[in-house]
Full PDB file with SEQRES, HELIX, SHEET, SSBOND, CRYST1, ORIGX, SCALE, CONECT and MASTER records, all heavy atoms in Angstrom:
SEQRES   1 A   36  LYS ILE GLU ASN LEU THR ASN GLY LEU PRO ASP ILE PHE          
SEQRES   2 A   36  HIS GLU PHE MET TYR GLU GLU PRO VAL LYS SER LEU LYS          
SEQRES   3 A   36  SER THR PHE CYS ILE TRP SER VAL ASP GLY                      
HELIX    1 AA1 ILE A    2  LEU A    5  1                                   4    
HELIX    2 AA2 ASP A   11  PHE A   13  5                                   3    
HELIX    3 AA3 HIS A   14  TYR A   18  1                                   5    
HELIX    4 AA4 VAL A   22  LEU A   25  1                                   4    
CRYST1    1.000    1.000    1.000  90.00  90.00  90.00 P 1           1          
ORIGX1      1.000000  0.000000  0.000000        0.00000                         
ORIGX2      0.000000  1.000000  0.000000        0.00000                         
ORIGX3      0.000000  0.000000  1.000000        0.00000                         
SCALE1      1.000000  0.000000  0.000000        0.00000                         
SCALE2      0.000000  1.000000  0.000000        0.00000                         
SCALE3      0.000000  0.000000  1.000000        0.00000                         
ATOM      1  N   LYS A   1      73.617 112.834 117.337  1.00  0.00           N  
ATOM      2  CA  LYS A   1      73.559 111.521 116.828  1.00  0.00           C  
ATOM      3  C   LYS A   1      73.809 111.474 115.320  1.00  0.00           C  
ATOM      4  O   LYS A   1      73.383 112.211 114.535  1.00  0.00           O  
ATOM      5  CB  LYS A   1      72.109 110.929 117.039  1.00  0.00           C  
ATOM      6  CG  LYS A   1      71.741 110.902 118.515  1.00  0.00           C  
ATOM      7  CD  LYS A   1      72.625 109.829 119.262  1.00  0.00           C  
ATOM      8  CE  LYS A   1      72.069 109.722 120.735  1.00  0.00           C  
ATOM      9  NZ  LYS A   1      72.931 108.768 121.504  1.00  0.00           N  
ATOM     10  N   ILE A   2      74.676 110.493 115.009  1.00  0.00           N  
ATOM     11  CA  ILE A   2      75.089 110.434 113.563  1.00  0.00           C  
ATOM     12  C   ILE A   2      73.946 110.153 112.696  1.00  0.00           C  
ATOM     13  O   ILE A   2      73.872 110.631 111.556  1.00  0.00           O  
ATOM     14  CB  ILE A   2      76.195 109.279 113.372  1.00  0.00           C  
ATOM     15  CG1 ILE A   2      76.760 109.320 111.976  1.00  0.00           C  
ATOM     16  CG2 ILE A   2      75.637 107.941 113.729  1.00  0.00           C  
ATOM     17  CD1 ILE A   2      77.551 110.603 111.657  1.00  0.00           C  
ATOM     18  N   GLU A   3      72.909 109.348 113.219  1.00  0.00           N  
ATOM     19  CA  GLU A   3      71.755 109.107 112.349  1.00  0.00           C  
ATOM     20  C   GLU A   3      70.948 110.313 112.010  1.00  0.00           C  
ATOM     21  O   GLU A   3      70.230 110.380 110.992  1.00  0.00           O  
ATOM     22  CB  GLU A   3      70.859 108.004 112.966  1.00  0.00           C  
ATOM     23  CG  GLU A   3      70.393 108.307 114.380  1.00  0.00           C  
ATOM     24  CD  GLU A   3      71.270 107.751 115.465  1.00  0.00           C  
ATOM     25  OE1 GLU A   3      72.542 107.599 115.169  1.00  0.00           O  
ATOM     26  OE2 GLU A   3      70.757 107.502 116.558  1.00  0.00           O  
ATOM     27  N   ASN A   4      70.986 111.275 112.891  1.00  0.00           N  
ATOM     28  CA  ASN A   4      70.303 112.511 112.668  1.00  0.00           C  
ATOM     29  C   ASN A   4      71.133 113.393 111.686  1.00  0.00           C  
ATOM     30  O   ASN A   4      70.472 114.026 110.748  1.00  0.00           O  
ATOM     31  CB  ASN A   4      70.112 113.313 113.924  1.00  0.00           C  
ATOM     32  CG  ASN A   4      68.977 112.662 114.852  1.00  0.00           C  
ATOM     33  OD1 ASN A   4      68.187 111.877 114.338  1.00  0.00           O  
ATOM     34  ND2 ASN A   4      69.080 112.982 116.136  1.00  0.00           N  
ATOM     35  N   LEU A   5      72.373 113.510 111.834  1.00  0.00           N  
ATOM     36  CA  LEU A   5      73.186 114.317 110.921  1.00  0.00           C  
ATOM     37  C   LEU A   5      73.195 113.746 109.562  1.00  0.00           C  
ATOM     38  O   LEU A   5      73.409 114.531 108.596  1.00  0.00           O  
ATOM     39  CB  LEU A   5      74.651 114.320 111.414  1.00  0.00           C  
ATOM     40  CG  LEU A   5      74.970 115.069 112.803  1.00  0.00           C  
ATOM     41  CD1 LEU A   5      76.415 114.861 113.122  1.00  0.00           C  
ATOM     42  CD2 LEU A   5      74.613 116.528 112.644  1.00  0.00           C  
ATOM     43  N   THR A   6      72.943 112.500 109.426  1.00  0.00           N  
ATOM     44  CA  THR A   6      73.000 111.857 108.089  1.00  0.00           C  
ATOM     45  C   THR A   6      71.661 111.440 107.503  1.00  0.00           C  
ATOM     46  O   THR A   6      71.538 110.689 106.554  1.00  0.00           O  
ATOM     47  CB  THR A   6      73.886 110.571 108.070  1.00  0.00           C  
ATOM     48  OG1 THR A   6      73.397 109.653 109.113  1.00  0.00           O  
ATOM     49  CG2 THR A   6      75.338 110.946 108.405  1.00  0.00           C  
ATOM     50  N   ASN A   7      70.595 111.960 108.125  1.00  0.00           N  
ATOM     51  CA  ASN A   7      69.264 111.709 107.636  1.00  0.00           C  
ATOM     52  C   ASN A   7      69.142 112.104 106.157  1.00  0.00           C  
ATOM     53  O   ASN A   7      69.376 113.311 105.839  1.00  0.00           O  
ATOM     54  CB  ASN A   7      68.181 112.444 108.480  1.00  0.00           C  
ATOM     55  CG  ASN A   7      66.835 112.101 108.058  1.00  0.00           C  
ATOM     56  OD1 ASN A   7      66.388 110.963 108.068  1.00  0.00           O  
ATOM     57  ND2 ASN A   7      66.032 113.133 107.656  1.00  0.00           N  
ATOM     58  N   GLY A   8      68.786 111.236 105.278  1.00  0.00           N  
ATOM     59  CA  GLY A   8      68.648 111.519 103.843  1.00  0.00           C  
ATOM     60  C   GLY A   8      69.993 111.295 103.075  1.00  0.00           C  
ATOM     61  O   GLY A   8      70.036 111.517 101.852  1.00  0.00           O  
ATOM     62  N   LEU A   9      71.069 110.857 103.754  1.00  0.00           N  
ATOM     63  CA  LEU A   9      72.318 110.648 103.138  1.00  0.00           C  
ATOM     64  C   LEU A   9      72.240 109.476 102.132  1.00  0.00           C  
ATOM     65  O   LEU A   9      71.771 108.421 102.478  1.00  0.00           O  
ATOM     66  CB  LEU A   9      73.415 110.363 104.158  1.00  0.00           C  
ATOM     67  CG  LEU A   9      74.826 110.158 103.665  1.00  0.00           C  
ATOM     68  CD1 LEU A   9      75.464 111.440 103.242  1.00  0.00           C  
ATOM     69  CD2 LEU A   9      75.649 109.471 104.744  1.00  0.00           C  
ATOM     70  N   PRO A  10      72.667 109.687 100.895  1.00  0.00           N  
ATOM     71  CA  PRO A  10      72.671 108.590  99.955  1.00  0.00           C  
ATOM     72  C   PRO A  10      73.503 107.370 100.392  1.00  0.00           C  
ATOM     73  O   PRO A  10      74.448 107.532 101.099  1.00  0.00           O  
ATOM     74  CB  PRO A  10      73.272 109.268  98.651  1.00  0.00           C  
ATOM     75  CG  PRO A  10      73.015 110.700  98.833  1.00  0.00           C  
ATOM     76  CD  PRO A  10      73.128 111.001 100.286  1.00  0.00           C  
ATOM     77  N   ASP A  11      73.082 106.192  99.952  1.00  0.00           N  
ATOM     78  CA  ASP A  11      73.740 104.996 100.365  1.00  0.00           C  
ATOM     79  C   ASP A  11      75.151 104.924  99.983  1.00  0.00           C  
ATOM     80  O   ASP A  11      76.014 104.295 100.683  1.00  0.00           O  
ATOM     81  CB  ASP A  11      72.997 103.774  99.799  1.00  0.00           C  
ATOM     82  CG  ASP A  11      71.619 103.527 100.298  1.00  0.00           C  
ATOM     83  OD1 ASP A  11      71.268 104.189 101.319  1.00  0.00           O  
ATOM     84  OD2 ASP A  11      70.845 102.743  99.652  1.00  0.00           O  
ATOM     85  N   ILE A  12      75.562 105.589  98.949  1.00  0.00           N  
ATOM     86  CA  ILE A  12      76.893 105.538  98.463  1.00  0.00           C  
ATOM     87  C   ILE A  12      77.942 106.132  99.503  1.00  0.00           C  
ATOM     88  O   ILE A  12      79.145 105.876  99.406  1.00  0.00           O  
ATOM     89  CB  ILE A  12      77.116 106.268  97.144  1.00  0.00           C  
ATOM     90  CG1 ILE A  12      76.671 107.735  97.217  1.00  0.00           C  
ATOM     91  CG2 ILE A  12      76.425 105.485  96.033  1.00  0.00           C  
ATOM     92  CD1 ILE A  12      76.942 108.559  95.971  1.00  0.00           C  
ATOM     93  N   PHE A  13      77.442 106.900 100.392  1.00  0.00           N  
ATOM     94  CA  PHE A  13      78.286 107.507 101.445  1.00  0.00           C  
ATOM     95  C   PHE A  13      78.189 106.855 102.786  1.00  0.00           C  
ATOM     96  O   PHE A  13      78.846 107.243 103.751  1.00  0.00           O  
ATOM     97  CB  PHE A  13      77.909 109.026 101.630  1.00  0.00           C  
ATOM     98  CG  PHE A  13      78.059 109.863 100.335  1.00  0.00           C  
ATOM     99  CD1 PHE A  13      76.931 110.664  99.955  1.00  0.00           C  
ATOM    100  CD2 PHE A  13      79.151 109.785  99.538  1.00  0.00           C  
ATOM    101  CE1 PHE A  13      77.056 111.488  98.801  1.00  0.00           C  
ATOM    102  CE2 PHE A  13      79.252 110.509  98.371  1.00  0.00           C  
ATOM    103  CZ  PHE A  13      78.197 111.371  98.023  1.00  0.00           C  
ATOM    104  N   HIS A  14      77.353 105.840 102.918  1.00  0.00           N  
ATOM    105  CA  HIS A  14      77.170 105.196 104.235  1.00  0.00           C  
ATOM    106  C   HIS A  14      78.425 104.545 104.772  1.00  0.00           C  
ATOM    107  O   HIS A  14      78.688 104.756 106.042  1.00  0.00           O  
ATOM    108  CB  HIS A  14      76.053 104.080 104.136  1.00  0.00           C  
ATOM    109  CG  HIS A  14      74.696 104.708 104.113  1.00  0.00           C  
ATOM    110  ND1 HIS A  14      73.604 103.992 104.244  1.00  0.00           N  
ATOM    111  CD2 HIS A  14      74.251 106.073 103.945  1.00  0.00           C  
ATOM    112  CE1 HIS A  14      72.520 104.745 104.214  1.00  0.00           C  
ATOM    113  NE2 HIS A  14      72.864 105.984 103.936  1.00  0.00           N  
ATOM    114  N   GLU A  15      79.166 103.882 103.985  1.00  0.00           N  
ATOM    115  CA  GLU A  15      80.414 103.198 104.466  1.00  0.00           C  
ATOM    116  C   GLU A  15      81.398 104.248 105.014  1.00  0.00           C  
ATOM    117  O   GLU A  15      81.932 104.052 106.122  1.00  0.00           O  
ATOM    118  CB  GLU A  15      81.059 102.408 103.388  1.00  0.00           C  
ATOM    119  CG  GLU A  15      82.324 101.680 103.832  1.00  0.00           C  
ATOM    120  CD  GLU A  15      83.053 100.923 102.753  1.00  0.00           C  
ATOM    121  OE1 GLU A  15      82.458 100.880 101.620  1.00  0.00           O  
ATOM    122  OE2 GLU A  15      84.099 100.334 102.996  1.00  0.00           O  
ATOM    123  N   PHE A  16      81.500 105.383 104.347  1.00  0.00           N  
ATOM    124  CA  PHE A  16      82.394 106.433 104.745  1.00  0.00           C  
ATOM    125  C   PHE A  16      81.943 107.043 106.153  1.00  0.00           C  
ATOM    126  O   PHE A  16      82.816 107.227 107.035  1.00  0.00           O  
ATOM    127  CB  PHE A  16      82.493 107.487 103.710  1.00  0.00           C  
ATOM    128  CG  PHE A  16      83.396 108.656 104.094  1.00  0.00           C  
ATOM    129  CD1 PHE A  16      84.790 108.567 104.063  1.00  0.00           C  
ATOM    130  CD2 PHE A  16      82.837 109.925 104.452  1.00  0.00           C  
ATOM    131  CE1 PHE A  16      85.603 109.597 104.410  1.00  0.00           C  
ATOM    132  CE2 PHE A  16      83.637 110.987 104.770  1.00  0.00           C  
ATOM    133  CZ  PHE A  16      85.054 110.858 104.774  1.00  0.00           C  
ATOM    134  N   MET A  17      80.643 107.308 106.207  1.00  0.00           N  
ATOM    135  CA  MET A  17      80.193 108.001 107.371  1.00  0.00           C  
ATOM    136  C   MET A  17      79.984 107.074 108.637  1.00  0.00           C  
ATOM    137  O   MET A  17      80.076 107.571 109.761  1.00  0.00           O  
ATOM    138  CB  MET A  17      78.885 108.770 107.121  1.00  0.00           C  
ATOM    139  CG  MET A  17      79.015 109.956 106.231  1.00  0.00           C  
ATOM    140  SD  MET A  17      80.042 111.299 106.983  1.00  0.00           S  
ATOM    141  CE  MET A  17      79.244 111.580 108.488  1.00  0.00           C  
ATOM    142  N   TYR A  18      79.846 105.852 108.340  1.00  0.00           N  
ATOM    143  CA  TYR A  18      79.452 104.931 109.486  1.00  0.00           C  
ATOM    144  C   TYR A  18      80.633 103.986 109.884  1.00  0.00           C  
ATOM    145  O   TYR A  18      80.579 103.314 110.945  1.00  0.00           O  
ATOM    146  CB  TYR A  18      78.210 104.058 109.165  1.00  0.00           C  
ATOM    147  CG  TYR A  18      77.004 104.868 108.851  1.00  0.00           C  
ATOM    148  CD1 TYR A  18      76.042 104.361 107.986  1.00  0.00           C  
ATOM    149  CD2 TYR A  18      76.734 106.080 109.470  1.00  0.00           C  
ATOM    150  CE1 TYR A  18      74.886 105.071 107.659  1.00  0.00           C  
ATOM    151  CE2 TYR A  18      75.623 106.805 109.201  1.00  0.00           C  
ATOM    152  CZ  TYR A  18      74.603 106.336 108.317  1.00  0.00           C  
ATOM    153  OH  TYR A  18      73.504 106.965 108.029  1.00  0.00           O  
ATOM    154  N   GLU A  19      81.724 104.002 109.121  1.00  0.00           N  
ATOM    155  CA  GLU A  19      82.827 103.237 109.449  1.00  0.00           C  
ATOM    156  C   GLU A  19      84.064 104.080 109.819  1.00  0.00           C  
ATOM    157  O   GLU A  19      83.954 105.318 109.845  1.00  0.00           O  
ATOM    158  CB  GLU A  19      83.162 102.277 108.247  1.00  0.00           C  
ATOM    159  CG  GLU A  19      82.026 101.361 107.882  1.00  0.00           C  
ATOM    160  CD  GLU A  19      81.620 100.390 108.945  1.00  0.00           C  
ATOM    161  OE1 GLU A  19      82.476 100.042 109.781  1.00  0.00           O  
ATOM    162  OE2 GLU A  19      80.449  99.981 109.001  1.00  0.00           O  
ATOM    163  N   GLU A  20      85.145 103.437 110.045  1.00  0.00           N  
ATOM    164  CA  GLU A  20      86.344 104.170 110.452  1.00  0.00           C  
ATOM    165  C   GLU A  20      86.917 104.932 109.242  1.00  0.00           C  
ATOM    166  O   GLU A  20      86.761 104.511 108.123  1.00  0.00           O  
ATOM    167  CB  GLU A  20      87.400 103.218 110.937  1.00  0.00           C  
ATOM    168  CG  GLU A  20      86.983 102.408 112.211  1.00  0.00           C  
ATOM    169  CD  GLU A  20      86.796 103.329 113.391  1.00  0.00           C  
ATOM    170  OE1 GLU A  20      87.145 104.505 113.429  1.00  0.00           O  
ATOM    171  OE2 GLU A  20      86.236 102.853 114.413  1.00  0.00           O  
ATOM    172  N   PRO A  21      87.525 106.116 109.484  1.00  0.00           N  
ATOM    173  CA  PRO A  21      87.826 106.681 110.778  1.00  0.00           C  
ATOM    174  C   PRO A  21      86.753 107.619 111.360  1.00  0.00           C  
ATOM    175  O   PRO A  21      86.816 108.095 112.492  1.00  0.00           O  
ATOM    176  CB  PRO A  21      89.097 107.539 110.532  1.00  0.00           C  
ATOM    177  CG  PRO A  21      88.885 107.980 109.059  1.00  0.00           C  
ATOM    178  CD  PRO A  21      88.235 106.847 108.353  1.00  0.00           C  
ATOM    179  N   VAL A  22      85.730 107.888 110.573  1.00  0.00           N  
ATOM    180  CA  VAL A  22      84.680 108.818 110.948  1.00  0.00           C  
ATOM    181  C   VAL A  22      83.983 108.264 112.236  1.00  0.00           C  
ATOM    182  O   VAL A  22      83.598 109.031 113.121  1.00  0.00           O  
ATOM    183  CB  VAL A  22      83.587 109.077 109.819  1.00  0.00           C  
ATOM    184  CG1 VAL A  22      82.531 109.909 110.321  1.00  0.00           C  
ATOM    185  CG2 VAL A  22      84.366 109.816 108.677  1.00  0.00           C  
ATOM    186  N   LYS A  23      83.804 107.005 112.209  1.00  0.00           N  
ATOM    187  CA  LYS A  23      83.142 106.364 113.411  1.00  0.00           C  
ATOM    188  C   LYS A  23      83.800 106.709 114.698  1.00  0.00           C  
ATOM    189  O   LYS A  23      83.075 106.934 115.686  1.00  0.00           O  
ATOM    190  CB  LYS A  23      83.089 104.809 113.228  1.00  0.00           C  
ATOM    191  CG  LYS A  23      82.349 104.047 114.308  1.00  0.00           C  
ATOM    192  CD  LYS A  23      82.311 102.580 114.026  1.00  0.00           C  
ATOM    193  CE  LYS A  23      81.562 101.823 115.074  1.00  0.00           C  
ATOM    194  NZ  LYS A  23      81.562 100.331 114.815  1.00  0.00           N  
ATOM    195  N   SER A  24      85.111 106.686 114.778  1.00  0.00           N  
ATOM    196  CA  SER A  24      85.839 107.054 115.984  1.00  0.00           C  
ATOM    197  C   SER A  24      85.957 108.554 116.181  1.00  0.00           C  
ATOM    198  O   SER A  24      85.935 109.080 117.273  1.00  0.00           O  
ATOM    199  CB  SER A  24      87.205 106.380 115.970  1.00  0.00           C  
ATOM    200  OG  SER A  24      87.112 104.974 116.051  1.00  0.00           O  
ATOM    201  N   LEU A  25      86.089 109.296 115.074  1.00  0.00           N  
ATOM    202  CA  LEU A  25      86.326 110.735 115.144  1.00  0.00           C  
ATOM    203  C   LEU A  25      85.060 111.406 115.617  1.00  0.00           C  
ATOM    204  O   LEU A  25      85.072 112.444 116.272  1.00  0.00           O  
ATOM    205  CB  LEU A  25      86.729 111.321 113.810  1.00  0.00           C  
ATOM    206  CG  LEU A  25      88.142 110.923 113.285  1.00  0.00           C  
ATOM    207  CD1 LEU A  25      88.344 111.359 111.842  1.00  0.00           C  
ATOM    208  CD2 LEU A  25      89.200 111.645 114.176  1.00  0.00           C  
ATOM    209  N   LYS A  26      83.873 110.847 115.218  1.00  0.00           N  
ATOM    210  CA  LYS A  26      82.548 111.435 115.432  1.00  0.00           C  
ATOM    211  C   LYS A  26      82.346 112.606 114.456  1.00  0.00           C  
ATOM    212  O   LYS A  26      83.233 113.062 113.728  1.00  0.00           O  
ATOM    213  CB  LYS A  26      82.428 111.948 116.902  1.00  0.00           C  
ATOM    214  CG  LYS A  26      82.763 110.884 117.931  1.00  0.00           C  
ATOM    215  CD  LYS A  26      81.962 109.603 117.786  1.00  0.00           C  
ATOM    216  CE  LYS A  26      82.192 108.598 118.891  1.00  0.00           C  
ATOM    217  NZ  LYS A  26      81.490 107.277 118.729  1.00  0.00           N  
ATOM    218  N   SER A  27      81.145 113.164 114.498  1.00  0.00           N  
ATOM    219  CA  SER A  27      80.795 114.299 113.600  1.00  0.00           C  
ATOM    220  C   SER A  27      79.863 115.260 114.333  1.00  0.00           C  
ATOM    221  O   SER A  27      78.947 114.866 115.105  1.00  0.00           O  
ATOM    222  CB  SER A  27      80.100 113.743 112.331  1.00  0.00           C  
ATOM    223  OG  SER A  27      80.913 112.896 111.631  1.00  0.00           O  
ATOM    224  N   THR A  28      80.079 116.510 113.928  1.00  0.00           N  
ATOM    225  CA  THR A  28      79.098 117.501 114.431  1.00  0.00           C  
ATOM    226  C   THR A  28      78.389 118.156 113.208  1.00  0.00           C  
ATOM    227  O   THR A  28      77.436 118.889 113.378  1.00  0.00           O  
ATOM    228  CB  THR A  28      79.736 118.667 115.247  1.00  0.00           C  
ATOM    229  OG1 THR A  28      80.946 119.144 114.528  1.00  0.00           O  
ATOM    230  CG2 THR A  28      80.217 118.136 116.608  1.00  0.00           C  
ATOM    231  N   PHE A  29      78.870 117.831 111.980  1.00  0.00           N  
ATOM    232  CA  PHE A  29      78.109 118.275 110.830  1.00  0.00           C  
ATOM    233  C   PHE A  29      78.446 117.387 109.598  1.00  0.00           C  
ATOM    234  O   PHE A  29      79.487 116.751 109.622  1.00  0.00           O  
ATOM    235  CB  PHE A  29      78.359 119.719 110.489  1.00  0.00           C  
ATOM    236  CG  PHE A  29      79.772 120.069 109.938  1.00  0.00           C  
ATOM    237  CD1 PHE A  29      80.064 119.888 108.604  1.00  0.00           C  
ATOM    238  CD2 PHE A  29      80.764 120.478 110.855  1.00  0.00           C  
ATOM    239  CE1 PHE A  29      81.338 120.256 108.105  1.00  0.00           C  
ATOM    240  CE2 PHE A  29      82.048 120.753 110.367  1.00  0.00           C  
ATOM    241  CZ  PHE A  29      82.358 120.710 109.063  1.00  0.00           C  
ATOM    242  N   CYS A  30      77.537 117.293 108.685  1.00  0.00           N  
ATOM    243  CA  CYS A  30      77.737 116.455 107.512  1.00  0.00           C  
ATOM    244  C   CYS A  30      76.962 117.140 106.374  1.00  0.00           C  
ATOM    245  O   CYS A  30      75.766 117.414 106.512  1.00  0.00           O  
ATOM    246  CB  CYS A  30      77.233 115.045 107.756  1.00  0.00           C  
ATOM    247  SG  CYS A  30      77.258 113.982 106.313  1.00  0.00           S  
ATOM    248  N   ILE A  31      77.622 117.292 105.199  1.00  0.00           N  
ATOM    249  CA  ILE A  31      77.002 117.769 104.050  1.00  0.00           C  
ATOM    250  C   ILE A  31      77.378 116.904 102.888  1.00  0.00           C  
ATOM    251  O   ILE A  31      78.474 116.321 102.957  1.00  0.00           O  
ATOM    252  CB  ILE A  31      77.283 119.283 103.698  1.00  0.00           C  
ATOM    253  CG1 ILE A  31      78.811 119.484 103.505  1.00  0.00           C  
ATOM    254  CG2 ILE A  31      76.784 120.196 104.854  1.00  0.00           C  
ATOM    255  CD1 ILE A  31      79.147 120.939 103.039  1.00  0.00           C  
ATOM    256  N   TRP A  32      76.584 116.901 101.778  1.00  0.00           N  
ATOM    257  CA  TRP A  32      76.979 116.110 100.658  1.00  0.00           C  
ATOM    258  C   TRP A  32      76.383 116.661  99.344  1.00  0.00           C  
ATOM    259  O   TRP A  32      75.499 117.481  99.324  1.00  0.00           O  
ATOM    260  CB  TRP A  32      76.439 114.679 100.877  1.00  0.00           C  
ATOM    261  CG  TRP A  32      74.994 114.502 101.033  1.00  0.00           C  
ATOM    262  CD1 TRP A  32      74.058 114.379  99.982  1.00  0.00           C  
ATOM    263  CD2 TRP A  32      74.240 114.564 102.238  1.00  0.00           C  
ATOM    264  NE1 TRP A  32      72.788 114.303 100.534  1.00  0.00           N  
ATOM    265  CE2 TRP A  32      72.856 114.402 101.879  1.00  0.00           C  
ATOM    266  CE3 TRP A  32      74.594 114.662 103.615  1.00  0.00           C  
ATOM    267  CZ2 TRP A  32      71.874 114.367 102.860  1.00  0.00           C  
ATOM    268  CZ3 TRP A  32      73.517 114.655 104.588  1.00  0.00           C  
ATOM    269  CH2 TRP A  32      72.238 114.539 104.157  1.00  0.00           C  
ATOM    270  N   SER A  33      76.985 116.141  98.224  1.00  0.00           N  
ATOM    271  CA  SER A  33      76.441 116.511  96.950  1.00  0.00           C  
ATOM    272  C   SER A  33      76.524 115.267  96.042  1.00  0.00           C  
ATOM    273  O   SER A  33      77.626 114.656  96.048  1.00  0.00           O  
ATOM    274  CB  SER A  33      77.272 117.660  96.271  1.00  0.00           C  
ATOM    275  OG  SER A  33      76.848 117.903  94.899  1.00  0.00           O  
ATOM    276  N   VAL A  34      75.523 114.978  95.243  1.00  0.00           N  
ATOM    277  CA  VAL A  34      75.530 113.867  94.303  1.00  0.00           C  
ATOM    278  C   VAL A  34      75.488 114.356  92.835  1.00  0.00           C  
ATOM    279  O   VAL A  34      75.920 113.647  91.938  1.00  0.00           O  
ATOM    280  CB  VAL A  34      74.401 112.901  94.541  1.00  0.00           C  
ATOM    281  CG1 VAL A  34      74.657 112.091  95.829  1.00  0.00           C  
ATOM    282  CG2 VAL A  34      73.032 113.596  94.589  1.00  0.00           C  
ATOM    283  N   ASP A  35      74.997 115.570  92.642  1.00  0.00           N  
ATOM    284  CA  ASP A  35      74.954 116.124  91.287  1.00  0.00           C  
ATOM    285  C   ASP A  35      76.178 117.009  90.939  1.00  0.00           C  
ATOM    286  O   ASP A  35      76.298 117.485  89.823  1.00  0.00           O  
ATOM    287  CB  ASP A  35      73.679 116.838  91.013  1.00  0.00           C  
ATOM    288  CG  ASP A  35      73.562 118.134  91.887  1.00  0.00           C  
ATOM    289  OD1 ASP A  35      74.428 118.494  92.635  1.00  0.00           O  
ATOM    290  OD2 ASP A  35      72.486 118.736  91.865  1.00  0.00           O  
ATOM    291  N   GLY A  36      77.092 117.169  92.007  1.00  0.00           N  
ATOM    292  CA  GLY A  36      78.241 117.962  91.726  1.00  0.00           C  
ATOM    293  C   GLY A  36      78.016 119.505  91.821  1.00  0.00           C  
ATOM    294  O   GLY A  36      79.011 120.223  91.749  1.00  0.00           O  
TER     295      GLY A  36                                                      
MASTER        0    0    0    4    0    0    0    6  294    1    0    3          
END                                                                             
């Protein structure tokens, strides 16, 4: 489930992860960095 993979994901990345093309491609993993 995308909501499990993105638990804790900052709001700035929500559009990318929840909209196209990721929405159609689906995901098996997600990682992120906000401090670089």
